[in-house]
Amino acid sequence: MVENKQDFPFVEEDSDYAMACVVDHLAGKGHTRIACIAPPPLSVMFSSVRLRAVRKHMELIGLSLPDEMVCIGSFDQKDGFAQTHKLLDLPHPPPTASSASTTVLHSAPSMRGGKKEVSP
């Protein structure tokens, strides 16, 4: 916000609430192992805020987010696809993932059954 200038319209999103909703939705579907794919937190501020929110809310509802379930990559579709494959290559891949970016999320292959399929 601009100091002493509050006479202009603006939109501010709530990353904590948004990511809590994502985690609640996935946990409500029965998922207990939820990965997170995010752009680099140091170059995209909302990424660090959203990743922190995912960790915080998972802990709040009794789930953990191990470091191997967090993939940090670039901010594009190609990398979203690659990061998802890294998760699928884990010995016990997660059945689902959250993302701090819809660009990354929409490029991720399907995680159903641990198969490397491209989502439509």
PDB file of N, CA and C in Angstrom:
ATOM      1  N   MET A   1       0.847  -1.172   0.000  1.00  0.00           N
ATOM      2  CA  MET A   1       0.000   0.000   0.000  1.00  0.00           C
ATOM      3  C   MET A   1       0.894   1.238   0.000  1.00  0.00           C
ATOM      4  N   VAL A   2       0.475   2.265  -0.672  1.00  0.00           N
ATOM      5  CA  VAL A   2       1.210   3.525  -0.736  1.00  0.00           C
ATOM      6  C   VAL A   2       0.902   4.317   0.528  1.00  0.00           C
ATOM      7  N   GLU A   3       1.960   4.796   1.174  1.00  0.00           N
ATOM      8  CA  GLU A   3       1.771   5.555   2.410  1.00  0.00           C
ATOM      9  C   GLU A   3       0.891   6.770   2.177  1.00  0.00           C
ATOM     10  N   ASN A   4      -0.059   6.972   3.086  1.00  0.00           N
ATOM     11  CA  ASN A   4      -0.961   8.125   3.079  1.00  0.00           C
ATOM     12  C   ASN A   4      -1.793   8.252   1.806  1.00  0.00           C
ATOM     13  N   LYS A   5      -1.875   7.228   1.011  1.00  0.00           N
ATOM     14  CA  LYS A   5      -2.672   7.247  -0.219  1.00  0.00           C
ATOM     15  C   LYS A   5      -3.589   6.027  -0.213  1.00  0.00           C
ATOM     16  N   GLN A   6      -4.770   6.182   0.300  1.00  0.00           N
ATOM     17  CA  GLN A   6      -5.708   5.080   0.364  1.00  0.00           C
ATOM     18  C   GLN A   6      -6.934   5.340  -0.508  1.00  0.00           C
ATOM     19  N   ASP A   7      -6.841   6.285  -1.435  1.00  0.00           N
ATOM     20  CA  ASP A   7      -8.000   6.655  -2.232  1.00  0.00           C
ATOM     21  C   ASP A   7      -7.987   6.005  -3.627  1.00  0.00           C
ATOM     22  N   PHE A   8      -7.361   4.844  -3.748  1.00  0.00           N
ATOM     23  CA  PHE A   8      -7.362   4.144  -5.030  1.00  0.00           C
ATOM     24  C   PHE A   8      -7.784   2.690  -4.800  1.00  0.00           C
ATOM     25  N   PRO A   9      -8.459   2.090  -5.776  1.00  0.00           N
ATOM     26  CA  PRO A   9      -8.900   0.699  -5.608  1.00  0.00           C
ATOM     27  C   PRO A   9      -7.726  -0.273  -5.772  1.00  0.00           C
ATOM     28  N   PHE A  10      -7.735  -1.348  -5.018  1.00  0.00           N
ATOM     29  CA  PHE A  10      -6.734  -2.391  -5.178  1.00  0.00           C
ATOM     30  C   PHE A  10      -7.320  -3.717  -4.699  1.00  0.00           C
ATOM     31  N   VAL A  11      -6.714  -4.795  -5.144  1.00  0.00           N
ATOM     32  CA  VAL A  11      -7.128  -6.136  -4.738  1.00  0.00           C
ATOM     33  C   VAL A  11      -5.948  -6.788  -4.042  1.00  0.00           C
ATOM     34  N   GLU A  12      -6.210  -7.372  -2.912  1.00  0.00           N
ATOM     35  CA  GLU A  12      -5.165  -8.067  -2.170  1.00  0.00           C
ATOM     36  C   GLU A  12      -5.652  -9.477  -1.889  1.00  0.00           C
ATOM     37  N   GLU A  13      -4.844 -10.476  -2.230  1.00  0.00           N
ATOM     38  CA  GLU A  13      -5.251 -11.853  -1.987  1.00  0.00           C
ATOM     39  C   GLU A  13      -4.730 -12.328  -0.634  1.00  0.00           C
ATOM     40  N   ASP A  14      -5.324 -13.396  -0.116  1.00  0.00           N
ATOM     41  CA  ASP A  14      -4.958 -13.937   1.180  1.00  0.00           C
ATOM     42  C   ASP A  14      -4.371 -15.333   0.971  1.00  0.00           C
ATOM     43  N   SER A  15      -3.065 -15.407   0.811  1.00  0.00           N
ATOM     44  CA  SER A  15      -2.402 -16.683   0.530  1.00  0.00           C
ATOM     45  C   SER A  15      -2.578 -17.696   1.651  1.00  0.00           C
ATOM     46  N   ASP A  16      -2.551 -17.241   2.902  1.00  0.00           N
ATOM     47  CA  ASP A  16      -2.732 -18.169   4.019  1.00  0.00           C
ATOM     48  C   ASP A  16      -4.075 -18.878   3.915  1.00  0.00           C
ATOM     49  N   TYR A  17      -5.121 -18.105   3.713  1.00  0.00           N
ATOM     50  CA  TYR A  17      -6.460 -18.683   3.614  1.00  0.00           C
ATOM     51  C   TYR A  17      -6.593 -19.563   2.375  1.00  0.00           C
ATOM     52  N   ALA A  18      -6.072 -19.098   1.248  1.00  0.00           N
ATOM     53  CA  ALA A  18      -6.184 -19.852   0.000  1.00  0.00           C
ATOM     54  C   ALA A  18      -5.498 -21.211   0.107  1.00  0.00           C
ATOM     55  N   MET A  19      -4.290 -21.232   0.626  1.00  0.00           N
ATOM     56  CA  MET A  19      -3.566 -22.495   0.721  1.00  0.00           C
ATOM     57  C   MET A  19      -4.164 -23.405   1.789  1.00  0.00           C
ATOM     58  N   ALA A  20      -4.719 -22.826   2.847  1.00  0.00           N
ATOM     59  CA  ALA A  20      -5.424 -23.638   3.847  1.00  0.00           C
ATOM     60  C   ALA A  20      -6.628 -24.321   3.197  1.00  0.00           C
ATOM     61  N   CYS A  21      -7.320 -23.613   2.324  1.00  0.00           N
ATOM     62  CA  CYS A  21      -8.459 -24.202   1.608  1.00  0.00           C
ATOM     63  C   CYS A  21      -8.012 -25.350   0.706  1.00  0.00           C
ATOM     64  N   VAL A  22      -6.872 -25.171   0.025  1.00  0.00           N
ATOM     65  CA  VAL A  22      -6.340 -26.235  -0.840  1.00  0.00           C
ATOM     66  C   VAL A  22      -6.010 -27.468   0.003  1.00  0.00           C
ATOM     67  N   VAL A  23      -5.285 -27.270   1.098  1.00  0.00           N
ATOM     68  CA  VAL A  23      -4.905 -28.386   1.966  1.00  0.00           C
ATOM     69  C   VAL A  23      -6.151 -29.049   2.549  1.00  0.00           C
ATOM     70  N   ASP A  24      -7.108 -28.262   3.019  1.00  0.00           N
ATOM     71  CA  ASP A  24      -8.344 -28.829   3.570  1.00  0.00           C
ATOM     72  C   ASP A  24      -9.096 -29.648   2.529  1.00  0.00           C
ATOM     73  N   HIS A  25      -9.132 -29.157   1.300  1.00  0.00           N
ATOM     74  CA  HIS A  25      -9.824 -29.884   0.231  1.00  0.00           C
ATOM     75  C   HIS A  25      -9.154 -31.239  -0.010  1.00  0.00           C
ATOM     76  N   LEU A  26      -7.824 -31.239  -0.149  1.00  0.00           N
ATOM     77  CA  LEU A  26      -7.108 -32.484  -0.411  1.00  0.00           C
ATOM     78  C   LEU A  26      -7.198 -33.441   0.781  1.00  0.00           C
ATOM     79  N   ALA A  27      -7.042 -32.915   1.987  1.00  0.00           N
ATOM     80  CA  ALA A  27      -7.164 -33.751   3.184  1.00  0.00           C
ATOM     81  C   ALA A  27      -8.590 -34.275   3.323  1.00  0.00           C
ATOM     82  N   GLY A  28      -9.572 -33.464   2.965  1.00  0.00           N
ATOM     83  CA  GLY A  28     -10.970 -33.887   3.006  1.00  0.00           C
ATOM     84  C   GLY A  28     -11.274 -35.027   2.047  1.00  0.00           C
ATOM     85  N   LYS A  29     -10.450 -35.147   1.004  1.00  0.00           N
ATOM     86  CA  LYS A  29     -10.584 -36.258   0.051  1.00  0.00           C
ATOM     87  C   LYS A  29      -9.852 -37.500   0.550  1.00  0.00           C
ATOM     88  N   GLY A  30      -9.259 -37.398   1.749  1.00  0.00           N
ATOM     89  CA  GLY A  30      -8.578 -38.538   2.342  1.00  0.00           C
ATOM     90  C   GLY A  30      -7.072 -38.568   2.142  1.00  0.00           C
ATOM     91  N   HIS A  31      -6.521 -37.548   1.506  1.00  0.00           N
ATOM     92  CA  HIS A  31      -5.075 -37.519   1.279  1.00  0.00           C
ATOM     93  C   HIS A  31      -4.338 -37.114   2.549  1.00  0.00           C
ATOM     94  N   THR A  32      -3.306 -37.861   2.871  1.00  0.00           N
ATOM     95  CA  THR A  32      -2.476 -37.543   4.035  1.00  0.00           C
ATOM     96  C   THR A  32      -1.042 -37.220   3.622  1.00  0.00           C
ATOM     97  N   ARG A  33      -0.686 -37.548   2.401  1.00  0.00           N
ATOM     98  CA  ARG A  33       0.646 -37.251   1.860  1.00  0.00           C
ATOM     99  C   ARG A  33       0.465 -36.277   0.703  1.00  0.00           C
ATOM    100  N   ILE A  34       0.621 -35.003   0.991  1.00  0.00           N
ATOM    101  CA  ILE A  34       0.386 -33.944   0.011  1.00  0.00           C
ATOM    102  C   ILE A  34       1.705 -33.232  -0.269  1.00  0.00           C
ATOM    103  N   ALA A  35       2.130 -33.271  -1.522  1.00  0.00           N
ATOM    104  CA  ALA A  35       3.368 -32.591  -1.913  1.00  0.00           C
ATOM    105  C   ALA A  35       3.057 -31.130  -2.250  1.00  0.00           C
ATOM    106  N   CYS A  36       4.105 -30.346  -2.461  1.00  0.00           N
ATOM    107  CA  CYS A  36       3.934 -28.951  -2.853  1.00  0.00           C
ATOM    108  C   CYS A  36       4.974 -28.590  -3.907  1.00  0.00           C
ATOM    109  N   ILE A  37       4.502 -28.013  -5.014  1.00  0.00           N
ATOM    110  CA  ILE A  37       5.380 -27.547  -6.084  1.00  0.00           C
ATOM    111  C   ILE A  37       5.297 -26.024  -6.087  1.00  0.00           C
ATOM    112  N   ALA A  38       6.453 -25.371  -6.033  1.00  0.00           N
ATOM    113  CA  ALA A  38       6.449 -23.908  -5.933  1.00  0.00           C
ATOM    114  C   ALA A  38       7.579 -23.283  -6.736  1.00  0.00           C
ATOM    115  N   PRO A  39       7.353 -22.059  -7.226  1.00  0.00           N
ATOM    116  CA  PRO A  39       8.452 -21.299  -7.827  1.00  0.00           C
ATOM    117  C   PRO A  39       9.472 -20.956  -6.734  1.00  0.00           C
ATOM    118  N   PRO A  40      10.660 -20.533  -7.107  1.00  0.00           N
ATOM    119  CA  PRO A  40      11.676 -20.204  -6.103  1.00  0.00           C
ATOM    120  C   PRO A  40      11.197 -19.131  -5.122  1.00  0.00           C
ATOM    121  N   PRO A  41      11.147 -19.443  -3.826  1.00  0.00           N
ATOM    122  CA  PRO A  41      10.648 -18.478  -2.835  1.00  0.00           C
ATOM    123  C   PRO A  41      11.421 -17.169  -2.780  1.00  0.00           C
ATOM    124  N   LEU A  42      12.691 -17.194  -3.118  1.00  0.00           N
ATOM    125  CA  LEU A  42      13.469 -15.962  -3.016  1.00  0.00           C
ATOM    126  C   LEU A  42      13.229 -15.020  -4.195  1.00  0.00           C
ATOM    127  N   SER A  43      12.722 -15.543  -5.308  1.00  0.00           N
ATOM    128  CA  SER A  43      12.499 -14.668  -6.460  1.00  0.00           C
ATOM    129  C   SER A  43      11.033 -14.287  -6.652  1.00  0.00           C
ATOM    130  N   VAL A  44      10.127 -15.036  -6.042  1.00  0.00           N
ATOM    131  CA  VAL A  44       8.700 -14.741  -6.156  1.00  0.00           C
ATOM    132  C   VAL A  44       8.125 -14.726  -4.737  1.00  0.00           C
ATOM    133  N   MET A  45       7.856 -13.544  -4.206  1.00  0.00           N
ATOM    134  CA  MET A  45       7.463 -13.419  -2.806  1.00  0.00           C
ATOM    135  C   MET A  45       6.260 -14.270  -2.432  1.00  0.00           C
ATOM    136  N   PHE A  46       5.217 -14.288  -3.288  1.00  0.00           N
ATOM    137  CA  PHE A  46       4.028 -15.033  -2.901  1.00  0.00           C
ATOM    138  C   PHE A  46       4.313 -16.524  -2.785  1.00  0.00           C
ATOM    139  N   SER A  47       5.360 -16.996  -3.465  1.00  0.00           N
ATOM    140  CA  SER A  47       5.712 -18.412  -3.384  1.00  0.00           C
ATOM    141  C   SER A  47       6.128 -18.789  -1.969  1.00  0.00           C
ATOM    142  N   SER A  48       6.986 -17.987  -1.341  1.00  0.00           N
ATOM    143  CA  SER A  48       7.412 -18.290   0.024  1.00  0.00           C
ATOM    144  C   SER A  48       6.245 -18.185   1.000  1.00  0.00           C
ATOM    145  N   VAL A  49       5.369 -17.215   0.777  1.00  0.00           N
ATOM    146  CA  VAL A  49       4.197 -17.051   1.645  1.00  0.00           C
ATOM    147  C   VAL A  49       3.283 -18.267   1.515  1.00  0.00           C
ATOM    148  N   ARG A  50       3.046 -18.718   0.288  1.00  0.00           N
ATOM    149  CA  ARG A  50       2.152 -19.860   0.069  1.00  0.00           C
ATOM    150  C   ARG A  50       2.759 -21.164   0.558  1.00  0.00           C
ATOM    151  N   LEU A  51       4.053 -21.363   0.340  1.00  0.00           N
ATOM    152  CA  LEU A  51       4.705 -22.576   0.835  1.00  0.00           C
ATOM    153  C   LEU A  51       4.660 -22.614   2.363  1.00  0.00           C
ATOM    154  N   ARG A  52       4.940 -21.492   2.990  1.00  0.00           N
ATOM    155  CA  ARG A  52       4.864 -21.409   4.456  1.00  0.00           C
ATOM    156  C   ARG A  52       3.436 -21.706   4.930  1.00  0.00           C
ATOM    157  N   ALA A  53       2.439 -21.210   4.200  1.00  0.00           N
ATOM    158  CA  ALA A  53       1.033 -21.446   4.566  1.00  0.00           C
ATOM    159  C   ALA A  53       0.666 -22.921   4.442  1.00  0.00           C
ATOM    160  N   VAL A  54       1.158 -23.583   3.400  1.00  0.00           N
ATOM    161  CA  VAL A  54       0.895 -25.022   3.245  1.00  0.00           C
ATOM    162  C   VAL A  54       1.494 -25.776   4.425  1.00  0.00           C
ATOM    163  N   ARG A  55       2.765 -25.502   4.728  1.00  0.00           N
ATOM    164  CA  ARG A  55       3.425 -26.184   5.861  1.00  0.00           C
ATOM    165  C   ARG A  55       2.668 -25.946   7.167  1.00  0.00           C
ATOM    166  N   LYS A  56       2.309 -24.696   7.414  1.00  0.00           N
ATOM    167  CA  LYS A  56       1.624 -24.314   8.655  1.00  0.00           C
ATOM    168  C   LYS A  56       0.274 -25.017   8.782  1.00  0.00           C
ATOM    169  N   HIS A  57      -0.496 -25.021   7.704  1.00  0.00           N
ATOM    170  CA  HIS A  57      -1.832 -25.615   7.799  1.00  0.00           C
ATOM    171  C   HIS A  57      -1.760 -27.140   7.872  1.00  0.00           C
ATOM    172  N   MET A  58      -0.814 -27.733   7.167  1.00  0.00           N
ATOM    173  CA  MET A  58      -0.676 -29.187   7.273  1.00  0.00           C
ATOM    174  C   MET A  58      -0.330 -29.585   8.697  1.00  0.00           C
ATOM    175  N   GLU A  59       0.571 -28.831   9.324  1.00  0.00           N
ATOM    176  CA  GLU A  59       0.925 -29.107  10.717  1.00  0.00           C
ATOM    177  C   GLU A  59      -0.291 -28.925  11.625  1.00  0.00           C
ATOM    178  N   LEU A  60      -1.065 -27.885  11.367  1.00  0.00           N
ATOM    179  CA  LEU A  60      -2.249 -27.598  12.175  1.00  0.00           C
ATOM    180  C   LEU A  60      -3.251 -28.755  12.159  1.00  0.00           C
ATOM    181  N   ILE A  61      -3.382 -29.426  11.012  1.00  0.00           N
ATOM    182  CA  ILE A  61      -4.348 -30.530  10.922  1.00  0.00           C
ATOM    183  C   ILE A  61      -3.700 -31.900  11.131  1.00  0.00           C
ATOM    184  N   GLY A  62      -2.420 -31.886  11.590  1.00  0.00           N
ATOM    185  CA  GLY A  62      -1.754 -33.135  11.959  1.00  0.00           C
ATOM    186  C   GLY A  62      -1.038 -33.857  10.829  1.00  0.00           C
ATOM    187  N   LEU A  63      -0.747 -33.156   9.738  1.00  0.00           N
ATOM    188  CA  LEU A  63      -0.005 -33.747   8.627  1.00  0.00           C
ATOM    189  C   LEU A  63       1.381 -33.114   8.561  1.00  0.00           C
ATOM    190  N   SER A  64       2.294 -33.796   7.892  1.00  0.00           N
ATOM    191  CA  SER A  64       3.635 -33.230   7.741  1.00  0.00           C
ATOM    192  C   SER A  64       3.937 -33.014   6.262  1.00  0.00           C
ATOM    193  N   LEU A  65       4.903 -32.150   5.999  1.00  0.00           N
ATOM    194  CA  LEU A  65       5.359 -31.888   4.641  1.00  0.00           C
ATOM    195  C   LEU A  65       6.882 -32.057   4.637  1.00  0.00           C
ATOM    196  N   PRO A  66       7.329 -33.319   4.441  1.00  0.00           N
ATOM    197  CA  PRO A  66       8.774 -33.566   4.425  1.00  0.00           C
ATOM    198  C   PRO A  66       9.453 -32.817   3.275  1.00  0.00           C
ATOM    199  N   ASP A  67      10.725 -32.490   3.455  1.00  0.00           N
ATOM    200  CA  ASP A  67      11.461 -31.739   2.444  1.00  0.00           C
ATOM    201  C   ASP A  67      11.439 -32.415   1.070  1.00  0.00           C
ATOM    202  N   GLU A  68      11.478 -33.750   1.032  1.00  0.00           N
ATOM    203  CA  GLU A  68      11.476 -34.437  -0.261  1.00  0.00           C
ATOM    204  C   GLU A  68      10.144 -34.309  -1.003  1.00  0.00           C
ATOM    205  N   MET A  69       9.112 -33.821  -0.310  1.00  0.00           N
ATOM    206  CA  MET A  69       7.799 -33.630  -0.926  1.00  0.00           C
ATOM    207  C   MET A  69       7.596 -32.175  -1.374  1.00  0.00           C
ATOM    208  N   VAL A  70       8.655 -31.366  -1.275  1.00  0.00           N
ATOM    209  CA  VAL A  70       8.605 -29.974  -1.728  1.00  0.00           C
ATOM    210  C   VAL A  70       9.543 -29.838  -2.918  1.00  0.00           C
ATOM    211  N   CYS A  71       9.000 -29.414  -4.040  1.00  0.00           N
ATOM    212  CA  CYS A  71       9.812 -29.200  -5.243  1.00  0.00           C
ATOM    213  C   CYS A  71       9.816 -27.714  -5.567  1.00  0.00           C
ATOM    214  N   ILE A  72      11.003 -27.165  -5.663  1.00  0.00           N
ATOM    215  CA  ILE A  72      11.167 -25.752  -6.009  1.00  0.00           C
ATOM    216  C   ILE A  72      11.751 -25.705  -7.418  1.00  0.00           C
ATOM    217  N   GLY A  73      11.081 -25.006  -8.290  1.00  0.00           N
ATOM    218  CA  GLY A  73      11.554 -24.923  -9.664  1.00  0.00           C
ATOM    219  C   GLY A  73      11.342 -23.534 -10.216  1.00  0.00           C
ATOM    220  N   SER A  74      11.278 -23.457 -11.518  1.00  0.00           N
ATOM    221  CA  SER A  74      11.036 -22.158 -12.133  1.00  0.00           C
ATOM    222  C   SER A  74       9.536 -21.897 -12.195  1.00  0.00           C
ATOM    223  N   PHE A  75       9.145 -20.913 -12.942  1.00  0.00           N
ATOM    224  CA  PHE A  75       7.768 -20.422 -12.908  1.00  0.00           C
ATOM    225  C   PHE A  75       7.073 -20.679 -14.244  1.00  0.00           C
ATOM    226  N   ASP A  76       7.293 -21.885 -14.814  1.00  0.00           N
ATOM    227  CA  ASP A  76       6.688 -22.156 -16.111  1.00  0.00           C
ATOM    228  C   ASP A  76       6.121 -23.571 -16.187  1.00  0.00           C
ATOM    229  N   GLN A  77       5.396 -23.835 -17.260  1.00  0.00           N
ATOM    230  CA  GLN A  77       4.724 -25.118 -17.422  1.00  0.00           C
ATOM    231  C   GLN A  77       5.703 -26.268 -17.597  1.00  0.00           C
ATOM    232  N   LYS A  78       6.751 -26.051 -18.360  1.00  0.00           N
ATOM    233  CA  LYS A  78       7.727 -27.113 -18.599  1.00  0.00           C
ATOM    234  C   LYS A  78       8.334 -27.577 -17.276  1.00  0.00           C
ATOM    235  N   ASP A  79       8.676 -26.635 -16.412  1.00  0.00           N
ATOM    236  CA  ASP A  79       9.274 -27.003 -15.137  1.00  0.00           C
ATOM    237  C   ASP A  79       8.247 -27.642 -14.205  1.00  0.00           C
ATOM    238  N   GLY A  80       6.991 -27.201 -14.265  1.00  0.00           N
ATOM    239  CA  GLY A  80       5.946 -27.839 -13.464  1.00  0.00           C
ATOM    240  C   GLY A  80       5.835 -29.319 -13.794  1.00  0.00           C
ATOM    241  N   PHE A  81       5.920 -29.625 -15.078  1.00  0.00           N
ATOM    242  CA  PHE A  81       5.892 -31.007 -15.541  1.00  0.00           C
ATOM    243  C   PHE A  81       7.093 -31.776 -14.986  1.00  0.00           C
ATOM    244  N   ALA A  82       8.292 -31.165 -15.077  1.00  0.00           N
ATOM    245  CA  ALA A  82       9.515 -31.814 -14.597  1.00  0.00           C
ATOM    246  C   ALA A  82       9.480 -32.024 -13.080  1.00  0.00           C
ATOM    247  N   GLN A  83       9.004 -31.021 -12.328  1.00  0.00           N
ATOM    248  CA  GLN A  83       8.948 -31.147 -10.867  1.00  0.00           C
ATOM    249  C   GLN A  83       7.979 -32.245 -10.444  1.00  0.00           C
ATOM    250  N   THR A  84       6.876 -32.381 -11.156  1.00  0.00           N
ATOM    251  CA  THR A  84       5.920 -33.439 -10.847  1.00  0.00           C
ATOM    252  C   THR A  84       6.552 -34.804 -11.081  1.00  0.00           C
ATOM    253  N   HIS A  85       7.323 -34.929 -12.148  1.00  0.00           N
ATOM    254  CA  HIS A  85       8.013 -36.195 -12.407  1.00  0.00           C
ATOM    255  C   HIS A  85       9.022 -36.522 -11.317  1.00  0.00           C
ATOM    256  N   LYS A  86       9.669 -35.500 -10.746  1.00  0.00           N
ATOM    257  CA  LYS A  86      10.585 -35.746  -9.626  1.00  0.00           C
ATOM    258  C   LYS A  86       9.821 -36.366  -8.456  1.00  0.00           C
ATOM    259  N   LEU A  87       8.631 -35.842  -8.198  1.00  0.00           N
ATOM    260  CA  LEU A  87       7.812 -36.400  -7.119  1.00  0.00           C
ATOM    261  C   LEU A  87       7.392 -37.824  -7.431  1.00  0.00           C
ATOM    262  N   LEU A  88       7.024 -38.078  -8.681  1.00  0.00           N
ATOM    263  CA  LEU A  88       6.587 -39.420  -9.079  1.00  0.00           C
ATOM    264  C   LEU A  88       7.732 -40.429  -9.063  1.00  0.00           C
ATOM    265  N   ASP A  89       8.976 -39.950  -9.144  1.00  0.00           N
ATOM    266  CA  ASP A  89      10.139 -40.832  -9.100  1.00  0.00           C
ATOM    267  C   ASP A  89      10.548 -41.203  -7.679  1.00  0.00           C
ATOM    268  N   LEU A  90       9.924 -40.603  -6.675  1.00  0.00           N
ATOM    269  CA  LEU A  90      10.221 -40.965  -5.283  1.00  0.00           C
ATOM    270  C   LEU A  90       9.851 -42.425  -5.047  1.00  0.00           C
ATOM    271  N   PRO A  91      10.529 -43.100  -4.098  1.00  0.00           N
ATOM    272  CA  PRO A  91      10.200 -44.503  -3.806  1.00  0.00           C
ATOM    273  C   PRO A  91       8.714 -44.706  -3.440  1.00  0.00           C
ATOM    274  N   HIS A  92       8.154 -43.742  -2.738  1.00  0.00           N
ATOM    275  CA  HIS A  92       6.734 -43.788  -2.366  1.00  0.00           C
ATOM    276  C   HIS A  92       6.111 -42.445  -2.761  1.00  0.00           C
ATOM    277  N   PRO A  93       5.767 -42.282  -4.059  1.00  0.00           N
ATOM    278  CA  PRO A  93       5.312 -40.966  -4.534  1.00  0.00           C
ATOM    279  C   PRO A  93       3.990 -40.537  -3.900  1.00  0.00           C
ATOM    280  N   PRO A  94       3.831 -39.243  -3.730  1.00  0.00           N
ATOM    281  CA  PRO A  94       2.576 -38.738  -3.155  1.00  0.00           C
ATOM    282  C   PRO A  94       1.444 -38.888  -4.170  1.00  0.00           C
ATOM    283  N   PRO A  95       0.231 -39.102  -3.697  1.00  0.00           N
ATOM    284  CA  PRO A  95      -0.899 -39.230  -4.613  1.00  0.00           C
ATOM    285  C   PRO A  95      -1.406 -37.889  -5.138  1.00  0.00           C
ATOM    286  N   THR A  96      -0.996 -36.792  -4.494  1.00  0.00           N
ATOM    287  CA  THR A  96      -1.491 -35.477  -4.905  1.00  0.00           C
ATOM    288  C   THR A  96      -0.489 -34.392  -4.505  1.00  0.00           C
ATOM    289  N   ALA A  97      -0.674 -33.216  -5.095  1.00  0.00           N
ATOM    290  CA  ALA A  97       0.225 -32.102  -4.779  1.00  0.00           C
ATOM    291  C   ALA A  97      -0.537 -30.791  -4.819  1.00  0.00           C
ATOM    292  N   SER A  98      -0.089 -29.853  -4.006  1.00  0.00           N
ATOM    293  CA  SER A  98      -0.588 -28.479  -4.074  1.00  0.00           C
ATOM    294  C   SER A  98       0.443 -27.689  -4.858  1.00  0.00           C
ATOM    295  N   SER A  99       0.082 -26.509  -5.273  1.00  0.00           N
ATOM    296  CA  SER A  99       1.027 -25.674  -6.000  1.00  0.00           C
ATOM    297  C   SER A  99       0.811 -24.215  -5.634  1.00  0.00           C
ATOM    298  N   ALA A 100       1.898 -23.480  -5.609  1.00  0.00           N
ATOM    299  CA  ALA A 100       1.821 -22.045  -5.334  1.00  0.00           C
ATOM    300  C   ALA A 100       1.535 -21.265  -6.607  1.00  0.00           C
ATOM    301  N   SER A 101       1.366 -21.974  -7.726  1.00  0.00           N
ATOM    302  CA  SER A 101       1.157 -21.316  -9.010  1.00  0.00           C
ATOM    303  C   SER A 101       0.224 -22.130  -9.893  1.00  0.00           C
ATOM    304  N   THR A 102      -0.803 -21.511 -10.433  1.00  0.00           N
ATOM    305  CA  THR A 102      -1.699 -22.236 -11.345  1.00  0.00           C
ATOM    306  C   THR A 102      -0.996 -22.582 -12.645  1.00  0.00           C
ATOM    307  N   THR A 103      -0.022 -21.792 -13.070  1.00  0.00           N
ATOM    308  CA  THR A 103       0.746 -22.108 -14.282  1.00  0.00           C
ATOM    309  C   THR A 103       1.452 -23.442 -14.117  1.00  0.00           C
ATOM    310  N   VAL A 104       2.084 -23.640 -12.977  1.00  0.00           N
ATOM    311  CA  VAL A 104       2.775 -24.893 -12.689  1.00  0.00           C
ATOM    312  C   VAL A 104       1.768 -26.019 -12.530  1.00  0.00           C
ATOM    313  N   LEU A 105       0.702 -25.781 -11.804  1.00  0.00           N
ATOM    314  CA  LEU A 105      -0.296 -26.811 -11.525  1.00  0.00           C
ATOM    315  C   LEU A 105      -0.934 -27.356 -12.788  1.00  0.00           C
ATOM    316  N   HIS A 106      -1.299 -26.504 -13.720  1.00  0.00           N
ATOM    317  CA  HIS A 106      -1.975 -26.957 -14.929  1.00  0.00           C
ATOM    318  C   HIS A 106      -1.062 -27.713 -15.881  1.00  0.00           C
ATOM    319  N   SER A 107       0.231 -27.626 -15.686  1.00  0.00           N
ATOM    320  CA  SER A 107       1.159 -28.345 -16.551  1.00  0.00           C
ATOM    321  C   SER A 107       1.585 -29.676 -15.961  1.00  0.00           C
ATOM    322  N   ALA A 108       1.207 -29.926 -14.715  1.00  0.00           N
ATOM    323  CA  ALA A 108       1.646 -31.148 -14.040  1.00  0.00           C
ATOM    324  C   ALA A 108       0.930 -32.370 -14.606  1.00  0.00           C
ATOM    325  N   PRO A 109       1.665 -33.472 -14.769  1.00  0.00           N
ATOM    326  CA  PRO A 109       1.007 -34.694 -15.226  1.00  0.00           C
ATOM    327  C   PRO A 109       0.122 -35.244 -14.114  1.00  0.00           C
ATOM    328  N   SER A 110      -0.800 -36.081 -14.474  1.00  0.00           N
ATOM    329  CA  SER A 110      -1.699 -36.694 -13.503  1.00  0.00           C
ATOM    330  C   SER A 110      -0.886 -37.521 -12.508  1.00  0.00           C
ATOM    331  N   MET A 111      -1.271 -37.472 -11.238  1.00  0.00           N
ATOM    332  CA  MET A 111      -0.591 -38.257 -10.233  1.00  0.00           C
ATOM    333  C   MET A 111      -1.406 -39.495  -9.851  1.00  0.00           C
ATOM    334  N   ARG A 112      -2.539 -39.725 -10.505  1.00  0.00           N
ATOM    335  CA  ARG A 112      -3.382 -40.868 -10.195  1.00  0.00           C
ATOM    336  C   ARG A 112      -2.613 -42.163 -10.401  1.00  0.00           C
ATOM    337  N   GLY A 113      -2.584 -42.978  -9.375  1.00  0.00           N
ATOM    338  CA  GLY A 113      -1.940 -44.278  -9.472  1.00  0.00           C
ATOM    339  C   GLY A 113      -0.433 -44.202  -9.654  1.00  0.00           C
ATOM    340  N   GLY A 114       0.154 -43.018  -9.453  1.00  0.00           N
ATOM    341  CA  GLY A 114       1.588 -42.868  -9.614  1.00  0.00           C
ATOM    342  C   GLY A 114       2.054 -42.989 -11.059  1.00  0.00           C
ATOM    343  N   LYS A 115       1.118 -42.900 -12.012  1.00  0.00           N
ATOM    344  CA  LYS A 115       1.470 -43.033 -13.417  1.00  0.00           C
ATOM    345  C   LYS A 115       1.859 -41.681 -13.986  1.00  0.00           C
ATOM    346  N   LYS A 116       2.770 -41.696 -14.906  1.00  0.00           N
ATOM    347  CA  LYS A 116       3.240 -40.462 -15.534  1.00  0.00           C
ATOM    348  C   LYS A 116       2.400 -40.169 -16.769  1.00  0.00           C
ATOM    349  N   GLU A 117       1.220 -39.671 -16.547  1.00  0.00           N
ATOM    350  CA  GLU A 117       0.319 -39.307 -17.625  1.00  0.00           C
ATOM    351  C   GLU A 117       0.208 -37.790 -17.692  1.00  0.00           C
ATOM    352  N   VAL A 118       0.004 -37.279 -18.856  1.00  0.00           N
ATOM    353  CA  VAL A 118      -0.180 -35.838 -18.993  1.00  0.00           C
ATOM    354  C   VAL A 118      -1.649 -35.517 -18.778  1.00  0.00           C
ATOM    355  N   SER A 119      -1.928 -34.555 -17.898  1.00  0.00           N
ATOM    356  CA  SER A 119      -3.301 -34.147 -17.665  1.00  0.00           C
ATOM    357  C   SER A 119      -3.851 -33.473 -18.902  1.00  0.00           C
ATOM    358  N   PRO A 120      -5.151 -33.683 -19.183  1.00  0.00           N
ATOM    359  CA  PRO A 120      -5.743 -33.017 -20.359  1.00  0.00           C
ATOM    360  C   PRO A 120      -5.801 -31.519 -20.169  1.00  0.00           C
TER     361      PRO A 120
END
